[in-house]
PDB file of N, CA and C in Angstrom:
ATOM      1  N   UNK A   1      -4.985 -14.312  12.471  1.00  0.00           N
ATOM      2  CA  UNK A   1      -4.028 -14.504  11.391  1.00  0.00           C
ATOM      3  C   UNK A   1      -3.767 -13.171  10.717  1.00  0.00           C
ATOM      4  N   UNK A   2      -2.538 -12.986  10.313  1.00  0.00           N
ATOM      5  CA  UNK A   2      -2.123 -11.753   9.645  1.00  0.00           C
ATOM      6  C   UNK A   2      -1.604 -12.113   8.255  1.00  0.00           C
ATOM      7  N   UNK A   3      -2.217 -11.509   7.225  1.00  0.00           N
ATOM      8  CA  UNK A   3      -1.751 -11.802   5.870  1.00  0.00           C
ATOM      9  C   UNK A   3      -0.337 -11.261   5.679  1.00  0.00           C
ATOM     10  N   UNK A   4       0.497 -12.050   5.027  1.00  0.00           N
ATOM     11  CA  UNK A   4       1.857 -11.671   4.671  1.00  0.00           C
ATOM     12  C   UNK A   4       1.821 -11.200   3.218  1.00  0.00           C
ATOM     13  N   UNK A   5       1.511  -9.922   3.030  1.00  0.00           N
ATOM     14  CA  UNK A   5       1.264  -9.347   1.703  1.00  0.00           C
ATOM     15  C   UNK A   5       2.445  -9.599   0.763  1.00  0.00           C
ATOM     16  N   UNK A   6       3.659  -9.556   1.271  1.00  0.00           N
ATOM     17  CA  UNK A   6       4.849  -9.757   0.428  1.00  0.00           C
ATOM     18  C   UNK A   6       4.939 -11.175  -0.124  1.00  0.00           C
ATOM     19  N   UNK A   7       4.140 -12.105   0.385  1.00  0.00           N
ATOM     20  CA  UNK A   7       4.152 -13.490  -0.102  1.00  0.00           C
ATOM     21  C   UNK A   7       3.004 -13.776  -1.080  1.00  0.00           C
ATOM     22  N   UNK A   8       2.243 -12.750  -1.443  1.00  0.00           N
ATOM     23  CA  UNK A   8       1.139 -12.955  -2.383  1.00  0.00           C
ATOM     24  C   UNK A   8       1.655 -13.447  -3.730  1.00  0.00           C
ATOM     25  N   UNK A   9       0.824 -14.232  -4.398  1.00  0.00           N
ATOM     26  CA  UNK A   9       1.027 -14.601  -5.796  1.00  0.00           C
ATOM     27  C   UNK A   9      -0.296 -14.339  -6.514  1.00  0.00           C
ATOM     28  N   UNK A  10      -0.330 -14.578  -7.809  1.00  0.00           N
ATOM     29  CA  UNK A  10      -1.569 -14.367  -8.561  1.00  0.00           C
ATOM     30  C   UNK A  10      -2.722 -15.166  -7.961  1.00  0.00           C
ATOM     31  N   UNK A  11      -2.425 -16.388  -7.477  1.00  0.00           N
ATOM     32  CA  UNK A  11      -3.486 -17.289  -7.032  1.00  0.00           C
ATOM     33  C   UNK A  11      -3.456 -17.629  -5.549  1.00  0.00           C
ATOM     34  N   UNK A  12      -2.642 -16.932  -4.734  1.00  0.00           N
ATOM     35  CA  UNK A  12      -2.564 -17.336  -3.329  1.00  0.00           C
ATOM     36  C   UNK A  12      -2.348 -16.175  -2.373  1.00  0.00           C
ATOM     37  N   UNK A  13      -2.705 -16.443  -1.114  1.00  0.00           N
ATOM     38  CA  UNK A  13      -2.437 -15.567   0.021  1.00  0.00           C
ATOM     39  C   UNK A  13      -1.743 -16.429   1.073  1.00  0.00           C
ATOM     40  N   UNK A  14      -0.824 -15.832   1.823  1.00  0.00           N
ATOM     41  CA  UNK A  14      -0.147 -16.526   2.906  1.00  0.00           C
ATOM     42  C   UNK A  14      -0.399 -15.757   4.194  1.00  0.00           C
ATOM     43  N   UNK A  15      -0.708 -16.488   5.261  1.00  0.00           N
ATOM     44  CA  UNK A  15      -1.016 -15.887   6.545  1.00  0.00           C
ATOM     45  C   UNK A  15      -0.052 -16.402   7.608  1.00  0.00           C
ATOM     46  N   UNK A  16       0.283 -15.545   8.562  1.00  0.00           N
ATOM     47  CA  UNK A  16       1.051 -15.936   9.737  1.00  0.00           C
ATOM     48  C   UNK A  16       0.045 -16.213  10.841  1.00  0.00           C
ATOM     49  N   UNK A  17       0.061 -17.464  11.320  1.00  0.00           N
ATOM     50  CA  UNK A  17      -0.868 -17.860  12.365  1.00  0.00           C
ATOM     51  C   UNK A  17      -0.326 -17.485  13.741  1.00  0.00           C
ATOM     52  N   UNK A  18      -1.177 -17.503  14.731  1.00  0.00           N
ATOM     53  CA  UNK A  18      -0.767 -17.139  16.091  1.00  0.00           C
ATOM     54  C   UNK A  18       0.257 -18.102  16.674  1.00  0.00           C
ATOM     55  N   UNK A  19       0.347 -19.333  16.124  1.00  0.00           N
ATOM     56  CA  UNK A  19       1.341 -20.298  16.613  1.00  0.00           C
ATOM     57  C   UNK A  19       2.686 -20.156  15.906  1.00  0.00           C
ATOM     58  N   UNK A  20       2.828 -19.120  15.048  1.00  0.00           N
ATOM     59  CA  UNK A  20       4.083 -18.865  14.353  1.00  0.00           C
ATOM     60  C   UNK A  20       4.234 -19.603  13.031  1.00  0.00           C
ATOM     61  N   UNK A  21       3.275 -20.451  12.689  1.00  0.00           N
ATOM     62  CA  UNK A  21       3.323 -21.194  11.425  1.00  0.00           C
ATOM     63  C   UNK A  21       2.635 -20.386  10.330  1.00  0.00           C
ATOM     64  N   UNK A  22       3.022 -20.678   9.082  1.00  0.00           N
ATOM     65  CA  UNK A  22       2.400 -20.032   7.932  1.00  0.00           C
ATOM     66  C   UNK A  22       1.286 -20.908   7.386  1.00  0.00           C
ATOM     67  N   UNK A  23       0.228 -20.266   6.895  1.00  0.00           N
ATOM     68  CA  UNK A  23      -0.875 -20.965   6.247  1.00  0.00           C
ATOM     69  C   UNK A  23      -1.046 -20.376   4.855  1.00  0.00           C
ATOM     70  N   UNK A  24      -0.963 -21.232   3.829  1.00  0.00           N
ATOM     71  CA  UNK A  24      -1.114 -20.817   2.435  1.00  0.00           C
ATOM     72  C   UNK A  24      -2.517 -21.172   1.981  1.00  0.00           C
ATOM     73  N   UNK A  25      -3.196 -20.208   1.402  1.00  0.00           N
ATOM     74  CA  UNK A  25      -4.516 -20.449   0.815  1.00  0.00           C
ATOM     75  C   UNK A  25      -4.419 -20.117  -0.663  1.00  0.00           C
ATOM     76  N   UNK A  26      -4.719 -21.099  -1.500  1.00  0.00           N
ATOM     77  CA  UNK A  26      -4.607 -20.878  -2.945  1.00  0.00           C
ATOM     78  C   UNK A  26      -5.924 -21.199  -3.634  1.00  0.00           C
ATOM     79  N   UNK A  27      -6.085 -20.623  -4.802  1.00  0.00           N
ATOM     80  CA  UNK A  27      -7.286 -20.806  -5.626  1.00  0.00           C
ATOM     81  C   UNK A  27      -6.847 -21.209  -7.027  1.00  0.00           C
ATOM     82  N   UNK A  28      -7.754 -21.809  -7.779  1.00  0.00           N
ATOM     83  CA  UNK A  28      -7.428 -22.159  -9.163  1.00  0.00           C
ATOM     84  C   UNK A  28      -7.542 -20.933 -10.069  1.00  0.00           C
ATOM     85  N   UNK A  29      -8.353 -19.961  -9.680  1.00  0.00           N
ATOM     86  CA  UNK A  29      -8.521 -18.726 -10.456  1.00  0.00           C
ATOM     87  C   UNK A  29      -7.732 -17.602  -9.779  1.00  0.00           C
ATOM     88  N   UNK A  30      -7.315 -16.600 -10.541  1.00  0.00           N
ATOM     89  CA  UNK A  30      -6.579 -15.477  -9.954  1.00  0.00           C
ATOM     90  C   UNK A  30      -7.390 -14.743  -8.887  1.00  0.00           C
ATOM     91  N   UNK A  31      -6.709 -14.322  -7.816  1.00  0.00           N
ATOM     92  CA  UNK A  31      -7.324 -13.506  -6.782  1.00  0.00           C
ATOM     93  C   UNK A  31      -6.576 -12.179  -6.629  1.00  0.00           C
ATOM     94  N   UNK A  32      -5.429 -12.040  -7.315  1.00  0.00           N
ATOM     95  CA  UNK A  32      -4.624 -10.821  -7.281  1.00  0.00           C
ATOM     96  C   UNK A  32      -4.233 -10.418  -8.695  1.00  0.00           C
ATOM     97  N   UNK A  33      -3.888  -9.150  -8.863  1.00  0.00           N
ATOM     98  CA  UNK A  33      -3.335  -8.651 -10.114  1.00  0.00           C
ATOM     99  C   UNK A  33      -2.225  -7.670  -9.763  1.00  0.00           C
ATOM    100  N   UNK A  34      -1.296  -7.465 -10.700  1.00  0.00           N
ATOM    101  CA  UNK A  34      -0.168  -6.555 -10.466  1.00  0.00           C
ATOM    102  C   UNK A  34      -0.585  -5.121 -10.783  1.00  0.00           C
ATOM    103  N   UNK A  35      -0.354  -4.222  -9.841  1.00  0.00           N
ATOM    104  CA  UNK A  35      -0.594  -2.795 -10.035  1.00  0.00           C
ATOM    105  C   UNK A  35       0.568  -2.054  -9.388  1.00  0.00           C
ATOM    106  N   UNK A  36       1.286  -1.269 -10.191  1.00  0.00           N
ATOM    107  CA  UNK A  36       2.452  -0.532  -9.686  1.00  0.00           C
ATOM    108  C   UNK A  36       3.456  -1.439  -8.992  1.00  0.00           C
ATOM    109  N   UNK A  37       3.650  -2.648  -9.550  1.00  0.00           N
ATOM    110  CA  UNK A  37       4.640  -3.574  -9.022  1.00  0.00           C
ATOM    111  C   UNK A  37       4.211  -4.341  -7.785  1.00  0.00           C
ATOM    112  N   UNK A  38       2.961  -4.194  -7.354  1.00  0.00           N
ATOM    113  CA  UNK A  38       2.466  -4.873  -6.155  1.00  0.00           C
ATOM    114  C   UNK A  38       1.256  -5.739  -6.506  1.00  0.00           C
ATOM    115  N   UNK A  39       1.125  -6.881  -5.817  1.00  0.00           N
ATOM    116  CA  UNK A  39      -0.066  -7.709  -5.980  1.00  0.00           C
ATOM    117  C   UNK A  39      -1.217  -7.049  -5.217  1.00  0.00           C
ATOM    118  N   UNK A  40      -2.311  -6.777  -5.912  1.00  0.00           N
ATOM    119  CA  UNK A  40      -3.505  -6.176  -5.323  1.00  0.00           C
ATOM    120  C   UNK A  40      -4.657  -7.164  -5.398  1.00  0.00           C
ATOM    121  N   UNK A  41      -5.582  -7.078  -4.439  1.00  0.00           N
ATOM    122  CA  UNK A  41      -6.774  -7.927  -4.468  1.00  0.00           C
ATOM    123  C   UNK A  41      -7.647  -7.553  -5.657  1.00  0.00           C
ATOM    124  N   UNK A  42      -8.164  -8.563  -6.356  1.00  0.00           N
ATOM    125  CA  UNK A  42      -9.148  -8.331  -7.409  1.00  0.00           C
ATOM    126  C   UNK A  42     -10.478  -7.999  -6.745  1.00  0.00           C
ATOM    127  N   UNK A  43     -11.137  -6.972  -7.242  1.00  0.00           N
ATOM    128  CA  UNK A  43     -12.438  -6.556  -6.734  1.00  0.00           C
ATOM    129  C   UNK A  43     -13.385  -6.464  -7.923  1.00  0.00           C
ATOM    130  N   UNK A  44     -14.231  -7.470  -8.096  1.00  0.00           N
ATOM    131  CA  UNK A  44     -15.141  -7.491  -9.245  1.00  0.00           C
ATOM    132  C   UNK A  44     -16.544  -7.016  -8.893  1.00  0.00           C
ATOM    133  N   UNK A  45     -16.652  -6.258  -7.789  1.00  0.00           N
ATOM    134  CA  UNK A  45     -17.957  -5.664  -7.507  1.00  0.00           C
ATOM    135  C   UNK A  45     -18.300  -4.702  -8.639  1.00  0.00           C
ATOM    136  N   UNK A  46     -19.588  -4.535  -8.889  1.00  0.00           N
ATOM    137  CA  UNK A  46     -20.045  -3.555  -9.875  1.00  0.00           C
ATOM    138  C   UNK A  46     -20.361  -2.275  -9.106  1.00  0.00           C
ATOM    139  N   UNK A  47     -19.698  -1.188  -9.506  1.00  0.00           N
ATOM    140  CA  UNK A  47     -19.823   0.087  -8.799  1.00  0.00           C
ATOM    141  C   UNK A  47     -20.229   1.185  -9.771  1.00  0.00           C
ATOM    142  N   UNK A  48     -20.668   2.304  -9.246  1.00  0.00           N
ATOM    143  CA  UNK A  48     -21.003   3.460 -10.077  1.00  0.00           C
ATOM    144  C   UNK A  48     -19.744   3.962 -10.768  1.00  0.00           C
ATOM    145  N   UNK A  49     -19.842   4.190 -12.067  1.00  0.00           N
ATOM    146  CA  UNK A  49     -18.683   4.608 -12.853  1.00  0.00           C
ATOM    147  C   UNK A  49     -18.476   6.119 -12.815  1.00  0.00           C
ATOM    148  N   UNK A  50     -17.227   6.528 -12.766  1.00  0.00           N
ATOM    149  CA  UNK A  50     -16.865   7.935 -12.876  1.00  0.00           C
ATOM    150  C   UNK A  50     -16.464   8.281 -14.319  1.00  0.00           C
ATOM    151  N   UNK A  51     -16.407   7.252 -15.189  1.00  0.00           N
ATOM    152  CA  UNK A  51     -16.013   7.456 -16.587  1.00  0.00           C
ATOM    153  C   UNK A  51     -17.171   8.100 -17.358  1.00  0.00           C
ATOM    154  N   UNK A  52     -16.849   9.103 -18.133  1.00  0.00           N
ATOM    155  CA  UNK A  52     -17.864   9.825 -18.888  1.00  0.00           C
ATOM    156  C   UNK A  52     -18.590   8.892 -19.850  1.00  0.00           C
ATOM    157  N   UNK A  53     -19.903   8.943 -19.837  1.00  0.00           N
ATOM    158  CA  UNK A  53     -20.721   8.161 -20.748  1.00  0.00           C
ATOM    159  C   UNK A  53     -21.070   6.777 -20.236  1.00  0.00           C
ATOM    160  N   UNK A  54     -20.608   6.427 -19.047  1.00  0.00           N
ATOM    161  CA  UNK A  54     -20.876   5.096 -18.494  1.00  0.00           C
ATOM    162  C   UNK A  54     -21.534   5.209 -17.135  1.00  0.00           C
ATOM    163  N   UNK A  55     -22.362   4.223 -16.818  1.00  0.00           N
ATOM    164  CA  UNK A  55     -23.141   4.217 -15.589  1.00  0.00           C
ATOM    165  C   UNK A  55     -22.487   3.335 -14.519  1.00  0.00           C
ATOM    166  N   UNK A  56     -21.996   2.155 -14.921  1.00  0.00           N
ATOM    167  CA  UNK A  56     -21.408   1.201 -13.986  1.00  0.00           C
ATOM    168  C   UNK A  56     -20.067   0.698 -14.515  1.00  0.00           C
ATOM    169  N   UNK A  57     -19.232   0.190 -13.605  1.00  0.00           N
ATOM    170  CA  UNK A  57     -17.968  -0.446 -13.985  1.00  0.00           C
ATOM    171  C   UNK A  57     -17.597  -1.445 -12.895  1.00  0.00           C
ATOM    172  N   UNK A  58     -16.632  -2.314 -13.204  1.00  0.00           N
ATOM    173  CA  UNK A  58     -16.153  -3.239 -12.177  1.00  0.00           C
ATOM    174  C   UNK A  58     -15.174  -2.512 -11.265  1.00  0.00           C
ATOM    175  N   UNK A  59     -14.892  -3.109 -10.111  1.00  0.00           N
ATOM    176  CA  UNK A  59     -13.947  -2.521  -9.158  1.00  0.00           C
ATOM    177  C   UNK A  59     -12.523  -2.642  -9.668  1.00  0.00           C
ATOM    178  N   UNK A  60     -11.605  -3.096  -8.842  1.00  0.00           N
ATOM    179  CA  UNK A  60     -10.192  -3.185  -9.208  1.00  0.00           C
ATOM    180  C   UNK A  60      -9.866  -4.507  -9.887  1.00  0.00           C
ATOM    181  N   UNK A  61      -9.166  -4.421 -11.010  1.00  0.00           N
ATOM    182  CA  UNK A  61      -8.710  -5.592 -11.739  1.00  0.00           C
ATOM    183  C   UNK A  61      -7.703  -5.112 -12.768  1.00  0.00           C
ATOM    184  N   UNK A  62      -7.071  -6.060 -13.477  1.00  0.00           N
ATOM    185  CA  UNK A  62      -6.108  -5.657 -14.503  1.00  0.00           C
ATOM    186  C   UNK A  62      -6.805  -5.217 -15.774  1.00  0.00           C
ATOM    187  N   UNK A  63      -8.117  -5.321 -15.816  1.00  0.00           N
ATOM    188  CA  UNK A  63      -8.898  -4.825 -16.947  1.00  0.00           C
ATOM    189  C   UNK A  63     -10.148  -4.156 -16.392  1.00  0.00           C
ATOM    190  N   UNK A  64     -10.753  -3.290 -17.174  1.00  0.00           N
ATOM    191  CA  UNK A  64     -11.973  -2.601 -16.769  1.00  0.00           C
ATOM    192  C   UNK A  64     -13.125  -3.034 -17.666  1.00  0.00           C
ATOM    193  N   UNK A  65     -14.307  -3.095 -17.079  1.00  0.00           N
ATOM    194  CA  UNK A  65     -15.543  -3.375 -17.798  1.00  0.00           C
ATOM    195  C   UNK A  65     -16.482  -2.211 -17.492  1.00  0.00           C
ATOM    196  N   UNK A  66     -17.024  -1.606 -18.545  1.00  0.00           N
ATOM    197  CA  UNK A  66     -17.911  -0.459 -18.384  1.00  0.00           C
ATOM    198  C   UNK A  66     -19.292  -0.796 -18.936  1.00  0.00           C
ATOM    199  N   UNK A  67     -20.329  -0.244 -18.297  1.00  0.00           N
ATOM    200  CA  UNK A  67     -21.705  -0.456 -18.718  1.00  0.00           C
ATOM    201  C   UNK A  67     -22.381   0.897 -18.894  1.00  0.00           C
ATOM    202  N   UNK A  68     -23.068   1.053 -20.021  1.00  0.00           N
ATOM    203  CA  UNK A  68     -23.862   2.262 -20.246  1.00  0.00           C
ATOM    204  C   UNK A  68     -25.183   2.111 -19.488  1.00  0.00           C
ATOM    205  N   UNK A  69     -25.801   3.220 -19.170  1.00  0.00           N
ATOM    206  CA  UNK A  69     -27.089   3.154 -18.480  1.00  0.00           C
ATOM    207  C   UNK A  69     -28.142   2.553 -19.401  1.00  0.00           C
ATOM    208  N   UNK A  70     -28.104   2.943 -20.681  1.00  0.00           N
ATOM    209  CA  UNK A  70     -29.038   2.412 -21.668  1.00  0.00           C
ATOM    210  C   UNK A  70     -28.253   1.445 -22.549  1.00  0.00           C
ATOM    211  N   UNK A  71     -28.434   0.162 -22.345  1.00  0.00           N
ATOM    212  CA  UNK A  71     -27.651  -0.821 -23.089  1.00  0.00           C
ATOM    213  C   UNK A  71     -28.041  -0.897 -24.556  1.00  0.00           C
ATOM    214  N   UNK A  72     -29.128  -0.260 -24.942  1.00  0.00           N
ATOM    215  CA  UNK A  72     -29.530  -0.233 -26.352  1.00  0.00           C
ATOM    216  C   UNK A  72     -28.873   0.895 -27.123  1.00  0.00           C
ATOM    217  N   UNK A  73     -28.178   1.811 -26.438  1.00  0.00           N
ATOM    218  CA  UNK A  73     -27.537   2.934 -27.134  1.00  0.00           C
ATOM    219  C   UNK A  73     -26.258   2.462 -27.817  1.00  0.00           C
ATOM    220  N   UNK A  74     -25.849   3.180 -28.851  1.00  0.00           N
ATOM    221  CA  UNK A  74     -24.634   2.818 -29.582  1.00  0.00           C
ATOM    222  C   UNK A  74     -23.407   3.164 -28.740  1.00  0.00           C
ATOM    223  N   UNK A  75     -22.334   2.376 -28.873  1.00  0.00           N
ATOM    224  CA  UNK A  75     -21.105   2.666 -28.099  1.00  0.00           C
ATOM    225  C   UNK A  75     -20.438   3.952 -28.534  1.00  0.00           C
TER     226      UNK A  75
END
């Protein structure tokens, strides 16, 4: 199956099957977000942060979450 990226929505992916039919897979929660006018996959993995003063952050999403190495330190 090949994803038809141009058919993405906030909550769905569409695939072209080998028999020529389309298969829609949808979720109740968002799986994509808009970035530069395109639907991108949400990536909520926790990764090492490149932001100054932070140790970890989430992957790709329409919002960012940052974590300090010492959670007891003041923001």
